[in-house]
Amino acid sequence: MPHTLDADAVRKWCGLALDALGRARADIDAINVYPVADGDTGTNLYLTVESAARAVDAAFDGHAASAAVSRPTLADVVRAMAHGALIGARGNSGTILAQLLRGMADVLADGPVEGNPGTGEADGLRRALRRAVDLAYLAVAHPVEGTVLTVAVAAAEGAERAERATGDVATVARAAYEGARAALQATPGQLDVLARAGVVDAGGYGLVTVLGGLAEALSGEAPAALAPVRPLGGALATAGQDPAGCPADGAPDGGPGFEVIYLLEADDTAVAALRERLDALGDSLVVVGGDGLWNVHVHVDDAGAAVEAGIQAGRPYRIRITHFGGAAARKADADGQDRPGPAVVLPDRTGAQDSTAGPRGERATRAVVAVVPGDGLAALCAEAGATAVATRAGEPPASGELVEAVRRADAREVVLLPNDTELHHTAAAAAAQARAEGVRAAVIPTRSAVQGIAALAVHEPGRSFDEDVVAMTSAAGATRYAELAVAERQSWTMAGVCQAGDVLGMIDGDVAVIGSELAATAETVLDRMLASGGEMVTLVLGAGLADEVAERLERHVREGHFAVDTVVYRGGQPTTPLIIGVE
């Protein structure tokens, strides 16, 4: 059944595109030969769309939490999608995709034109695709045909022809996909480096995949499959050489050695001057965004000068500098060679801790990467030998941040602890990328920080990887968890109706107790959890929670539950006053 181009359709589009990119990611990485054969275009596009999809989900969640409005509008969702892609854009193709989505959002946020709704939606999609192309060409300093830009033009042209003929939005979406798909197959004839490698453009392949998700979301039918993307000549890289005939430790044709990406807060005038300066420093310059927030991407030899230019223009942050030689080394790792070459990352998560084992330059055997909701928990994990990724309220980490943490750990084997049900898919994507880079990786599906603490407590690098993972999984699974939170509004729960300001005791993810005072509610939660047995209670105190509450709960356990030990940590999590674990 065809669907209306509304907020739900955009959310479905993001989900379908992300799933499709997840399946195609390795193939797209494998054909990445332009502008640099660093084998990461598929991953970069996946991370970009993942960030867009998270922003869309957050828009729905935010409206669901509002008593006044229960559903977001199309404008709300497309703007969230564009913003999420902007702040999460990775690599050359990911940055261009973010600008394409921004162009579409500019038009779709205004809604359909007056008249027949179906015709209005089709016309809106046609105009959105054309606006996307216009903005993308403006963002790229030196556009090259035979790339994602060419594919985007073909999509817009296909949409225009279909809109004139039918006026049906689903037909327009399918025509855009088919036009892009045909243009993709022609890219080897437009760019010599693609012809020599016997592949289509990787960025264009990713865009076609994203448009396929749009066509399926609006038509209800999966589009025709893409042709195989493996290079005509077999494997893409031989020892020390990429398919374009360029050394594996540098960019094509002796090009710049570093990729620099950062978000930038600056006004339009400063960005115009920044473009000129960065264009003189290097190539592959793409600056996307607007309204004071920009994503800057450039390939340079002097990475420091590129960052300095951003500082002069405004406030750069989330700075990521990748040496192309390092990318090649990681690619060699995936082929079985022991040559670590992590990207140089300047993280913006102040809670991140790096606990790499071994002397400088020596790769550790095994590491643990744990996602935690507070600085205290991050410090605790670091003391236990783990690399912690601290989250911020309302901003869970993307898989790319977990991949960066894996690279910082610089180990041959890595265990990931997501410590949140919503992050299981993210951790799985990070593990898949780690494996592609030659790291043996496993995800333990921890649902709470206390399960992560239990897993860390039994972690033993000296035993085999499989035995360690089994032991950590068993310890996490044997730990029940609960959280105490304050209700923001009246709502139905598994325990009845709660009012704004009530204290909610959630056991294993479900509201089990509703109370008026935190300590008393926590005591009830503890009694329920310990009724089925337990040997150890873990209390993780949130930011601002008084020590007296912990003392009261310790006393309650000691007096009411014989032979049960209690341990207290100052976790520092900002939004959850108390986390409880029972082993």
Protein backbone atom coordinates (compact mmCIF):
# COMPACT_ATOMS: atom_id res chain seq x y z
CA MET A 1 0.00 0.00 0.00
CA PRO A 2 1.34 3.47 -0.92
CA HIS A 3 1.93 5.72 2.07
CA THR A 4 1.53 9.43 2.70
CA LEU A 5 4.70 11.50 2.92
CA ASP A 6 4.33 12.31 6.61
CA ALA A 7 6.33 12.05 9.83
CA ASP A 8 5.79 8.30 10.12
CA ALA A 9 6.97 7.76 6.55
CA VAL A 10 10.18 9.69 7.22
CA ARG A 11 10.82 7.62 10.34
CA LYS A 12 10.24 4.44 8.35
CA TRP A 13 12.52 5.74 5.61
CA CYS A 14 15.35 6.31 8.09
CA GLY A 15 14.94 2.80 9.51
CA LEU A 16 14.87 1.12 6.11
CA ALA A 17 17.85 3.14 4.85
CA LEU A 18 19.85 2.31 7.97
CA ASP A 19 19.09 -1.40 7.68
CA ALA A 20 19.98 -1.41 3.98
CA LEU A 21 23.24 0.44 4.58
CA GLY A 22 24.05 -2.00 7.35
CA ARG A 23 23.72 -4.88 4.89
CA ALA A 24 25.64 -3.09 2.13
CA ARG A 25 28.27 -1.41 4.29
CA ALA A 26 31.07 -3.93 3.74
CA ASP A 27 30.49 -3.99 -0.02
CA ILE A 28 30.51 -0.19 -0.22
CA ASP A 29 33.69 -0.02 1.85
CA ALA A 30 35.26 -2.53 -0.53
CA ILE A 31 34.70 -0.37 -3.63
CA ASN A 32 35.78 2.91 -2.03
CA VAL A 33 38.54 4.17 -4.35
CA TYR A 34 37.64 7.87 -4.70
CA PRO A 35 38.58 10.46 -3.52
CA VAL A 36 40.80 8.33 -1.24
CA ALA A 37 40.97 4.53 -1.25
CA ASP A 38 40.61 4.26 2.53
CA GLY A 39 37.79 1.70 2.55
CA ASP A 40 35.34 3.51 4.85
CA THR A 41 32.62 5.11 2.69
CA GLY A 42 30.00 2.50 3.58
CA THR A 43 30.76 2.84 7.27
CA ASN A 44 30.72 6.64 7.10
CA LEU A 45 27.35 6.67 5.35
CA TYR A 46 25.96 4.18 7.86
CA LEU A 47 27.08 6.35 10.79
CA THR A 48 25.63 9.46 9.16
CA VAL A 49 22.22 7.86 8.63
CA GLU A 50 22.37 6.31 12.09
CA SER A 51 22.72 9.78 13.58
CA ALA A 52 19.81 11.04 11.45
CA ALA A 53 17.62 8.10 12.51
CA ARG A 54 18.41 8.69 16.19
CA ALA A 55 17.42 12.33 15.86
CA VAL A 56 14.10 11.32 14.26
CA ASP A 57 13.42 8.83 17.06
CA ALA A 58 14.22 11.55 19.59
CA ALA A 59 11.69 13.85 17.91
CA PHE A 60 8.99 11.21 18.32
CA ASP A 61 10.03 10.49 21.90
CA GLY A 62 10.03 14.20 22.75
CA HIS A 63 6.49 14.67 21.50
CA ALA A 64 5.31 11.52 23.25
CA ALA A 65 6.63 13.00 26.52
CA SER A 66 4.59 16.18 26.01
CA ALA A 67 1.10 16.37 27.47
CA ALA A 68 0.04 18.89 24.83
CA VAL A 69 1.29 17.26 21.61
CA SER A 70 1.52 13.51 21.05
CA ARG A 71 2.73 13.33 17.44
CA PRO A 72 5.47 15.29 15.66
CA THR A 73 4.72 16.99 12.36
CA LEU A 74 6.48 16.32 9.07
CA ALA A 75 8.39 19.57 9.58
CA ASP A 76 9.56 18.48 13.04
CA VAL A 77 10.83 15.15 11.75
CA VAL A 78 12.61 16.27 8.57
CA ARG A 79 14.36 19.04 10.45
CA ALA A 80 15.45 16.54 13.10
CA MET A 81 16.65 14.17 10.38
CA ALA A 82 18.71 16.89 8.71
CA HIS A 83 20.19 18.08 12.01
CA GLY A 84 21.05 14.55 13.09
CA ALA A 85 22.80 13.88 9.78
CA LEU A 86 24.69 17.18 10.06
CA ILE A 87 26.11 16.56 13.53
CA GLY A 88 26.84 12.90 12.78
CA ALA A 89 28.20 13.23 9.24
CA ARG A 90 31.36 11.21 8.57
CA GLY A 91 33.71 11.36 5.62
CA ASN A 92 33.30 13.04 2.26
CA SER A 93 30.18 11.13 1.18
CA GLY A 94 28.52 11.33 4.60
CA THR A 95 28.97 15.09 4.66
CA ILE A 96 27.45 15.44 1.19
CA LEU A 97 24.56 13.16 2.17
CA ALA A 98 23.89 15.40 5.18
CA GLN A 99 23.63 18.39 2.85
CA LEU A 100 21.29 16.50 0.52
CA LEU A 101 19.02 15.71 3.48
CA ARG A 102 19.16 19.33 4.59
CA GLY A 103 18.05 20.44 1.14
CA MET A 104 15.14 18.02 1.21
CA ALA A 105 14.18 19.19 4.68
CA ASP A 106 14.14 22.84 3.55
CA VAL A 107 11.30 22.04 1.15
CA LEU A 108 9.44 19.28 2.97
CA ALA A 109 9.23 21.31 6.18
CA ASP A 110 7.00 23.78 4.32
CA GLY A 111 4.48 21.02 3.57
CA PRO A 112 2.64 20.26 0.29
CA VAL A 113 1.41 22.99 -1.99
CA GLU A 114 -2.25 23.90 -1.88
CA GLY A 115 -4.65 21.71 -3.83
CA ASN A 116 -4.89 17.96 -4.13
CA PRO A 117 -2.88 16.41 -1.22
CA GLY A 118 -1.43 13.63 -3.35
CA THR A 119 -0.28 16.02 -6.04
CA GLY A 120 1.11 18.34 -3.38
CA GLU A 121 3.19 15.57 -1.84
CA ALA A 122 4.60 14.50 -5.21
CA ASP A 123 5.45 18.06 -6.13
CA GLY A 124 7.01 18.59 -2.71
CA LEU A 125 9.24 15.53 -3.10
CA ARG A 126 10.25 16.65 -6.59
CA ARG A 127 11.17 20.11 -5.33
CA ALA A 128 12.93 18.63 -2.30
CA LEU A 129 15.21 16.48 -4.44
CA ARG A 130 16.05 19.40 -6.70
CA ARG A 131 16.81 21.64 -3.69
CA ALA A 132 19.01 18.86 -2.29
CA VAL A 133 21.10 18.78 -5.46
CA ASP A 134 21.46 22.57 -5.57
CA LEU A 135 22.68 22.76 -1.96
CA ALA A 136 25.06 19.82 -2.38
CA TYR A 137 26.79 21.41 -5.39
CA LEU A 138 27.15 24.66 -3.46
CA ALA A 139 28.72 22.79 -0.53
CA VAL A 140 31.44 21.05 -2.57
CA ALA A 141 34.34 23.32 -3.47
CA HIS A 142 35.21 21.50 -6.71
CA PRO A 143 32.38 19.18 -7.88
CA VAL A 144 33.43 16.09 -9.81
CA GLU A 145 31.12 14.17 -12.13
CA GLY A 146 30.86 10.41 -11.76
CA THR A 147 30.36 10.75 -8.01
CA VAL A 148 27.47 10.93 -5.55
CA LEU A 149 26.63 14.38 -6.94
CA THR A 150 25.98 12.94 -10.41
CA VAL A 151 23.77 10.26 -8.90
CA ALA A 152 21.83 12.90 -6.95
CA VAL A 153 21.19 14.89 -10.14
CA ALA A 154 19.80 11.79 -11.86
CA ALA A 155 17.49 11.15 -8.89
CA ALA A 156 16.11 14.69 -9.11
CA GLU A 157 15.62 14.41 -12.87
CA GLY A 158 13.85 11.07 -12.53
CA ALA A 159 11.53 12.55 -9.92
CA GLU A 160 10.71 15.52 -12.15
CA ARG A 161 9.76 13.30 -15.09
CA ALA A 162 7.55 11.09 -12.92
CA GLU A 163 5.84 14.00 -11.18
CA ARG A 164 4.86 15.53 -14.51
CA ALA A 165 3.51 12.19 -15.72
CA THR A 166 1.64 10.86 -12.67
CA GLY A 167 1.62 13.20 -9.70
CA ASP A 168 1.87 10.19 -7.33
CA VAL A 169 4.42 10.54 -4.53
CA ALA A 170 5.26 6.82 -4.40
CA THR A 171 5.85 6.78 -8.15
CA VAL A 172 8.06 9.86 -7.86
CA ALA A 173 10.15 8.18 -5.14
CA ARG A 174 10.56 5.02 -7.23
CA ALA A 175 11.52 7.09 -10.29
CA ALA A 176 14.15 8.95 -8.27
CA TYR A 177 15.58 5.62 -7.17
CA GLU A 178 15.59 4.18 -10.69
CA GLY A 179 17.19 7.32 -12.11
CA ALA A 180 19.91 7.24 -9.47
CA ARG A 181 20.44 3.52 -10.00
CA ALA A 182 20.98 3.98 -13.75
CA ALA A 183 23.35 6.89 -13.18
CA LEU A 184 25.34 4.83 -10.69
CA GLN A 185 26.04 2.15 -13.29
CA ALA A 186 27.40 4.84 -15.62
CA THR A 187 29.88 6.32 -13.13
CA PRO A 188 32.88 4.18 -14.27
CA GLY A 189 32.59 5.87 -17.65
CA GLN A 190 32.81 9.32 -16.06
CA LEU A 191 35.70 8.86 -13.64
CA ASP A 192 38.94 7.14 -14.70
CA VAL A 193 39.82 5.91 -11.21
CA LEU A 194 36.53 3.96 -11.12
CA ALA A 195 37.10 2.50 -14.56
CA ARG A 196 40.60 1.32 -13.63
CA ALA A 197 39.28 -0.37 -10.50
CA GLY A 198 36.23 -1.79 -12.29
CA VAL A 199 33.77 -0.40 -9.74
CA VAL A 200 30.95 2.10 -9.45
CA ASP A 201 31.23 5.13 -7.16
CA ALA A 202 30.95 4.12 -3.52
CA GLY A 203 29.23 7.31 -2.37
CA GLY A 204 26.75 7.08 -5.22
CA TYR A 205 26.04 3.47 -4.29
CA GLY A 206 25.26 4.60 -0.77
CA LEU A 207 22.90 7.33 -1.96
CA VAL A 208 21.04 4.84 -4.18
CA THR A 209 20.66 2.62 -1.11
CA VAL A 210 19.20 5.52 0.89
CA LEU A 211 16.79 6.41 -1.94
CA GLY A 212 15.73 2.77 -2.09
CA GLY A 213 14.64 3.09 1.53
CA LEU A 214 12.57 6.17 0.64
CA ALA A 215 10.91 4.38 -2.29
CA GLU A 216 10.05 1.41 -0.09
CA ALA A 217 8.73 3.61 2.74
CA LEU A 218 6.34 5.42 0.38
CA SER A 219 5.30 2.57 -1.93
CA GLY A 220 5.30 -0.32 0.52
CA GLU A 221 7.34 -2.37 -1.93
CA ALA A 222 11.07 -3.07 -1.93
CA PRO A 223 12.74 -1.57 -5.02
CA ALA A 224 14.64 -3.59 -7.58
CA ALA A 225 17.95 -4.84 -6.21
CA LEU A 226 21.20 -3.18 -7.14
CA ALA A 227 23.69 -4.94 -9.36
CA PRO A 228 26.64 -6.66 -7.62
CA VAL A 229 29.25 -4.13 -6.52
CA ARG A 230 32.36 -6.26 -6.23
CA PRO A 231 35.19 -5.00 -8.46
CA LEU A 232 35.37 -6.57 -11.89
CA GLY A 233 38.99 -7.53 -11.37
CA GLY A 234 38.52 -9.30 -8.05
CA ALA A 235 40.09 -8.10 -4.81
CA LEU A 236 40.47 -4.35 -4.54
CA ALA A 237 43.87 -4.19 -2.92
CA THR A 238 47.11 -6.05 -3.27
CA ALA A 239 50.12 -5.76 -0.99
CA GLY A 240 50.79 -2.05 -0.48
CA GLN A 241 48.73 -0.92 -3.49
CA ASP A 242 45.13 0.21 -3.98
CA PRO A 243 43.24 -0.42 -7.26
CA ALA A 244 43.95 3.07 -8.54
CA GLY A 245 47.66 2.31 -8.40
CA CYS A 246 48.34 4.48 -5.34
CA PRO A 247 50.53 3.59 -2.37
CA ALA A 248 48.54 2.20 0.54
CA ASP A 249 50.16 4.64 2.98
CA GLY A 250 49.02 7.81 1.25
CA ALA A 251 46.27 9.49 -0.72
CA PRO A 252 45.88 9.00 -4.50
CA ASP A 253 48.37 10.78 -6.76
CA GLY A 254 50.40 11.96 -3.79
CA GLY A 255 47.43 13.87 -2.39
CA PRO A 256 47.00 15.18 1.17
CA GLY A 257 47.73 12.81 4.03
CA PHE A 258 45.01 13.77 6.53
CA GLU A 259 41.23 13.96 6.64
CA VAL A 260 39.97 16.67 9.01
CA ILE A 261 36.33 16.87 10.09
CA TYR A 262 34.73 19.06 12.71
CA LEU A 263 31.49 20.74 13.68
CA LEU A 264 31.70 24.52 13.69
CA GLU A 265 29.60 27.22 15.29
CA ALA A 266 30.10 30.32 13.13
CA ASP A 267 28.20 32.91 11.11
CA ASP A 268 27.87 32.88 7.33
CA THR A 269 30.51 35.56 6.74
CA ALA A 270 33.16 33.67 8.72
CA VAL A 271 32.34 30.44 6.90
CA ALA A 272 32.77 32.08 3.50
CA ALA A 273 36.30 33.13 4.51
CA LEU A 274 36.94 29.66 5.97
CA ARG A 275 36.05 28.01 2.65
CA GLU A 276 38.68 30.10 0.85
CA ARG A 277 41.37 29.32 3.40
CA LEU A 278 40.69 25.57 3.50
CA ASP A 279 40.46 25.38 -0.29
CA ALA A 280 44.00 26.76 -0.44
CA LEU A 281 45.20 24.23 2.15
CA GLY A 282 43.94 21.02 0.53
CA ASP A 283 41.21 19.32 -1.46
CA SER A 284 37.92 17.37 -1.12
CA LEU A 285 36.53 20.42 0.70
CA VAL A 286 32.89 20.12 1.73
CA VAL A 287 31.24 22.60 4.10
CA VAL A 288 27.59 21.89 4.88
CA GLY A 289 25.00 23.26 7.27
CA GLY A 290 23.64 26.69 8.07
CA ASP A 291 21.90 28.72 10.77
CA GLY A 292 25.12 28.98 12.72
CA LEU A 293 26.09 25.27 12.73
CA TRP A 294 28.32 23.71 10.08
CA ASN A 295 30.06 20.44 9.35
CA VAL A 296 33.50 20.94 7.81
CA HIS A 297 35.35 18.24 5.85
CA VAL A 298 38.70 18.64 4.08
CA HIS A 299 41.78 16.62 3.07
CA VAL A 300 45.04 18.40 3.95
CA ASP A 301 48.70 17.82 4.70
CA ASP A 302 48.68 20.32 7.58
CA ALA A 303 45.88 19.13 9.87
CA GLY A 304 46.77 21.71 12.50
CA ALA A 305 46.30 24.56 10.04
CA ALA A 306 42.85 23.24 9.11
CA VAL A 307 41.79 23.18 12.75
CA GLU A 308 43.36 26.60 13.34
CA ALA A 309 41.30 27.97 10.45
CA GLY A 310 38.18 26.68 12.18
CA ILE A 311 39.19 28.36 15.44
CA GLN A 312 39.58 31.67 13.64
CA ALA A 313 36.15 31.27 12.03
CA GLY A 314 34.24 30.28 15.17
CA ARG A 315 34.09 27.43 17.68
CA PRO A 316 35.09 24.04 16.27
CA TYR A 317 34.34 20.88 18.24
CA ARG A 318 34.00 17.11 17.71
CA ILE A 319 37.29 17.37 15.86
CA ARG A 320 38.35 14.18 14.08
CA ILE A 321 41.69 13.87 12.30
CA THR A 322 42.43 10.69 10.35
CA HIS A 323 45.79 9.92 8.78
CA PHE A 324 45.22 8.05 5.53
CA GLY A 325 48.24 5.89 6.26
CA GLY A 326 46.53 4.86 9.49
CA ALA A 327 43.40 3.96 7.56
CA ALA A 328 45.44 1.78 5.26
CA ALA A 329 47.09 0.10 8.22
CA ARG A 330 43.72 -0.71 9.76
CA LYS A 331 42.64 -2.14 6.43
CA ALA A 332 45.77 -4.31 6.41
CA ASP A 333 44.86 -5.50 9.91
CA ALA A 334 41.60 -6.82 8.53
CA ASP A 335 43.61 -8.84 6.05
CA GLY A 336 45.50 -10.51 8.87
CA GLN A 337 48.55 -8.29 9.29
CA ASP A 338 49.40 -7.00 12.76
CA ARG A 339 49.76 -3.28 12.08
CA PRO A 340 47.57 -1.10 14.28
CA GLY A 341 46.91 2.34 12.85
CA PRO A 342 44.08 4.05 14.75
CA ALA A 343 42.71 7.39 13.72
CA VAL A 344 43.81 10.42 15.72
CA VAL A 345 40.65 11.44 17.59
CA LEU A 346 40.03 14.52 19.71
CA PRO A 347 36.94 13.32 21.63
CA ASP A 348 34.37 15.77 23.01
CA ARG A 349 32.98 13.41 25.64
CA THR A 350 34.70 14.62 28.77
CA GLY A 351 33.88 11.41 30.60
CA ALA A 352 35.80 9.20 28.18
CA GLN A 353 38.67 7.37 29.78
CA ASP A 354 41.52 5.60 28.00
CA SER A 355 42.95 2.65 29.87
CA THR A 356 45.03 1.02 27.16
CA ALA A 357 47.24 -1.67 28.65
CA GLY A 358 50.92 -2.09 27.93
CA PRO A 359 53.77 0.29 27.12
CA ARG A 360 53.28 3.00 24.52
CA GLY A 361 53.18 1.45 21.06
CA GLU A 362 52.53 -2.07 22.37
CA ARG A 363 49.12 -3.47 21.53
CA ALA A 364 47.11 -4.91 24.44
CA THR A 365 45.74 -8.43 24.22
CA ARG A 366 42.20 -7.70 25.41
CA ALA A 367 40.20 -4.63 26.38
CA VAL A 368 36.70 -3.82 27.62
CA VAL A 369 34.73 -0.84 26.30
CA ALA A 370 31.80 0.19 28.51
CA VAL A 371 29.10 2.82 27.98
CA VAL A 372 28.27 4.55 31.28
CA PRO A 373 25.84 7.36 32.24
CA GLY A 374 28.07 9.32 34.64
CA ASP A 375 31.60 10.51 35.35
CA GLY A 376 31.82 8.49 38.57
CA LEU A 377 30.99 5.30 36.71
CA ALA A 378 33.50 6.23 34.00
CA ALA A 379 36.22 6.56 36.63
CA LEU A 380 35.16 3.26 38.21
CA CYS A 381 35.42 1.49 34.86
CA ALA A 382 38.82 3.03 34.21
CA GLU A 383 40.04 1.76 37.60
CA ALA A 384 38.86 -1.71 36.56
CA GLY A 385 40.91 -1.46 33.34
CA ALA A 386 38.09 -0.62 30.93
CA THR A 387 37.77 2.15 28.36
CA ALA A 388 34.65 4.11 29.29
CA VAL A 389 32.39 6.11 26.99
CA ALA A 390 30.35 8.49 29.16
CA THR A 391 26.93 9.48 27.82
CA ARG A 392 25.22 12.85 28.07
CA ALA A 393 21.56 13.25 29.00
CA GLY A 394 19.39 12.69 25.94
CA GLU A 395 22.37 12.04 23.66
CA PRO A 396 23.34 8.37 23.50
CA PRO A 397 26.58 7.60 21.70
CA ALA A 398 26.52 6.50 18.07
CA SER A 399 28.34 3.37 16.96
CA GLY A 400 31.15 5.52 15.56
CA GLU A 401 32.00 6.75 19.05
CA LEU A 402 32.22 3.16 20.28
CA VAL A 403 34.46 2.30 17.33
CA GLU A 404 36.72 5.20 18.29
CA ALA A 405 36.85 3.88 21.86
CA VAL A 406 37.82 0.45 20.52
CA ARG A 407 40.61 2.06 18.52
CA ARG A 408 41.86 3.97 21.58
CA ALA A 409 41.94 0.72 23.55
CA ASP A 410 44.23 -0.64 20.79
CA ALA A 411 43.73 -4.31 21.67
CA ARG A 412 43.52 -7.48 19.61
CA GLU A 413 40.32 -8.53 21.42
CA VAL A 414 37.54 -6.28 22.73
CA VAL A 415 34.42 -6.88 24.81
CA LEU A 416 31.72 -4.20 24.55
CA LEU A 417 29.27 -3.47 27.39
CA PRO A 418 26.42 -1.24 26.08
CA ASN A 419 24.72 -1.12 29.52
CA ASP A 420 21.45 -0.01 27.90
CA THR A 421 18.90 -2.01 25.90
CA GLU A 422 18.60 0.84 23.39
CA LEU A 423 22.32 0.62 22.63
CA HIS A 424 22.50 -3.08 21.78
CA HIS A 425 22.14 -2.44 18.04
CA THR A 426 24.68 0.39 18.24
CA ALA A 427 27.19 -1.82 20.02
CA ALA A 428 26.64 -4.61 17.48
CA ALA A 429 27.40 -2.20 14.63
CA ALA A 430 30.56 -1.05 16.40
CA ALA A 431 31.65 -4.65 16.93
CA ALA A 432 31.10 -5.39 13.24
CA GLN A 433 33.31 -2.45 12.28
CA ALA A 434 35.95 -3.53 14.79
CA ARG A 435 36.01 -7.00 13.25
CA ALA A 436 36.45 -5.45 9.82
CA GLU A 437 39.54 -3.72 11.21
CA GLY A 438 41.01 -6.99 12.44
CA VAL A 439 39.85 -6.86 16.08
CA ARG A 440 38.10 -9.84 17.64
CA ALA A 441 35.00 -8.31 19.22
CA ALA A 442 32.02 -9.48 21.25
CA VAL A 443 29.01 -7.66 22.70
CA ILE A 444 27.61 -8.65 26.08
CA PRO A 445 23.96 -7.47 26.04
CA THR A 446 24.03 -5.62 29.36
CA ARG A 447 20.91 -3.56 30.00
CA SER A 448 22.10 -1.46 32.94
CA ALA A 449 25.31 -0.06 34.37
CA VAL A 450 25.07 -2.46 37.33
CA GLN A 451 25.12 -5.42 34.95
CA GLY A 452 28.22 -3.92 33.38
CA ILE A 453 29.83 -3.60 36.83
CA ALA A 454 29.05 -7.27 37.53
CA ALA A 455 30.58 -8.30 34.19
CA LEU A 456 33.71 -6.24 34.83
CA ALA A 457 34.10 -7.79 38.27
CA VAL A 458 34.69 -11.25 36.75
CA HIS A 459 36.65 -10.08 33.69
CA GLU A 460 39.94 -11.97 33.46
CA PRO A 461 42.24 -11.19 30.50
CA GLY A 462 44.39 -14.22 31.31
CA ARG A 463 41.81 -16.79 30.23
CA SER A 464 40.65 -17.48 26.70
CA PHE A 465 38.47 -14.92 24.96
CA ASP A 466 35.45 -17.25 24.75
CA GLU A 467 35.70 -18.27 28.40
CA ASP A 468 35.99 -14.63 29.49
CA VAL A 469 32.93 -13.62 27.45
CA VAL A 470 30.89 -16.50 28.86
CA ALA A 471 31.87 -15.63 32.44
CA MET A 472 31.08 -11.94 31.97
CA THR A 473 27.77 -12.73 30.27
CA SER A 474 26.82 -15.08 33.09
CA ALA A 475 27.61 -12.47 35.76
CA ALA A 476 25.61 -9.81 33.93
CA GLY A 477 22.66 -12.15 33.43
CA ALA A 478 22.63 -13.05 37.12
CA THR A 479 22.22 -9.39 38.09
CA ARG A 480 18.73 -7.93 38.33
CA TYR A 481 18.56 -4.18 37.99
CA ALA A 482 16.28 -1.35 39.02
CA GLU A 483 16.17 2.42 38.59
CA LEU A 484 14.50 5.16 40.59
CA ALA A 485 13.17 8.09 38.58
CA VAL A 486 10.77 11.00 39.02
CA ALA A 487 7.66 11.10 36.79
CA GLU A 488 7.46 14.16 34.53
CA ARG A 489 3.73 13.88 33.81
CA GLN A 490 0.62 11.87 34.56
CA SER A 491 0.84 8.49 32.87
CA TRP A 492 -0.38 4.90 32.89
CA THR A 493 2.19 2.37 34.09
CA MET A 494 2.36 -1.33 34.90
CA ALA A 495 1.86 -0.34 38.55
CA GLY A 496 -1.10 2.00 37.93
CA VAL A 497 -1.49 5.70 37.22
CA CYS A 498 1.33 7.99 38.31
CA GLN A 499 1.23 11.76 38.71
CA ALA A 500 3.92 14.31 37.85
CA GLY A 501 6.45 14.32 40.69
CA ASP A 502 5.82 10.73 41.80
CA VAL A 503 8.84 8.50 42.37
CA LEU A 504 8.87 5.50 40.05
CA GLY A 505 10.64 2.28 40.95
CA MET A 506 11.41 0.39 37.72
CA ILE A 507 12.55 -3.22 38.04
CA ASP A 508 14.11 -4.81 34.96
CA GLY A 509 12.71 -1.99 32.82
CA ASP A 510 9.07 -2.00 34.04
CA VAL A 511 7.47 0.32 36.59
CA ALA A 512 6.81 -1.85 39.65
CA VAL A 513 6.42 0.70 42.46
CA ILE A 514 4.95 4.21 42.62
CA GLY A 515 5.83 6.27 45.68
CA SER A 516 6.06 9.80 46.98
CA GLU A 517 9.55 9.74 48.54
CA LEU A 518 12.72 8.35 46.99
CA ALA A 519 14.27 6.49 49.93
CA ALA A 520 11.00 4.81 50.95
CA THR A 521 10.28 3.80 47.36
CA ALA A 522 13.80 2.42 47.04
CA GLU A 523 13.28 0.32 50.17
CA THR A 524 10.14 -1.19 48.65
CA VAL A 525 12.01 -1.92 45.43
CA LEU A 526 14.83 -3.62 47.34
CA ASP A 527 12.39 -5.78 49.30
CA ARG A 528 10.71 -6.95 46.10
CA MET A 529 14.00 -7.74 44.40
CA LEU A 530 15.45 -9.55 47.41
CA ALA A 531 12.28 -11.58 48.00
CA SER A 532 13.54 -14.03 45.37
CA GLY A 533 17.02 -14.14 46.88
CA GLY A 534 20.28 -12.27 46.48
CA GLU A 535 23.82 -12.11 47.81
CA MET A 536 24.99 -8.62 46.84
CA VAL A 537 23.23 -5.26 46.48
CA THR A 538 24.89 -2.52 44.44
CA LEU A 539 23.72 1.08 44.85
CA VAL A 540 24.84 3.62 42.24
CA LEU A 541 24.06 7.15 43.42
CA GLY A 542 23.12 9.82 40.91
CA ALA A 543 24.38 13.39 40.88
CA GLY A 544 23.12 15.29 43.90
CA LEU A 545 21.73 12.32 45.81
CA ALA A 546 22.59 12.66 49.50
CA ASP A 547 24.84 10.12 51.21
CA GLU A 548 22.17 9.82 53.90
CA VAL A 549 19.93 8.02 51.39
CA ALA A 550 22.61 5.42 50.75
CA GLU A 551 23.19 4.97 54.48
CA ARG A 552 19.47 4.46 55.07
CA LEU A 553 19.26 1.85 52.30
CA GLU A 554 22.37 0.04 53.54
CA ARG A 555 20.82 -0.13 57.00
CA HIS A 556 17.54 -1.38 55.54
CA VAL A 557 19.28 -4.23 53.72
CA ARG A 558 21.42 -5.13 56.73
CA GLU A 559 18.47 -5.24 59.12
CA GLY A 560 15.94 -6.92 56.85
CA HIS A 561 17.96 -9.30 54.70
CA PHE A 562 20.49 -11.48 56.50
CA ALA A 563 23.85 -12.21 54.84
CA VAL A 564 23.30 -9.77 51.96
CA ASP A 565 26.24 -7.42 51.36
CA THR A 566 25.86 -3.88 50.05
CA VAL A 567 28.32 -1.82 48.02
CA VAL A 568 27.82 1.87 47.16
CA TYR A 569 29.26 3.83 44.25
CA ARG A 570 28.95 7.53 43.52
CA GLY A 571 28.02 7.19 39.84
CA GLY A 572 27.26 10.82 39.07
CA GLN A 573 24.58 10.02 36.47
CA PRO A 574 22.59 13.25 35.91
CA THR A 575 19.06 12.00 35.20
CA THR A 576 18.65 8.80 37.25
CA PRO A 577 18.86 9.44 41.02
CA LEU A 578 19.53 5.81 41.90
CA ILE A 579 20.44 2.57 40.14
CA ILE A 580 20.14 -0.70 42.05
CA GLY A 581 21.66 -4.07 41.24
CA VAL A 582 21.00 -7.39 42.98
CA GLU A 583 23.30 -10.33 42.30
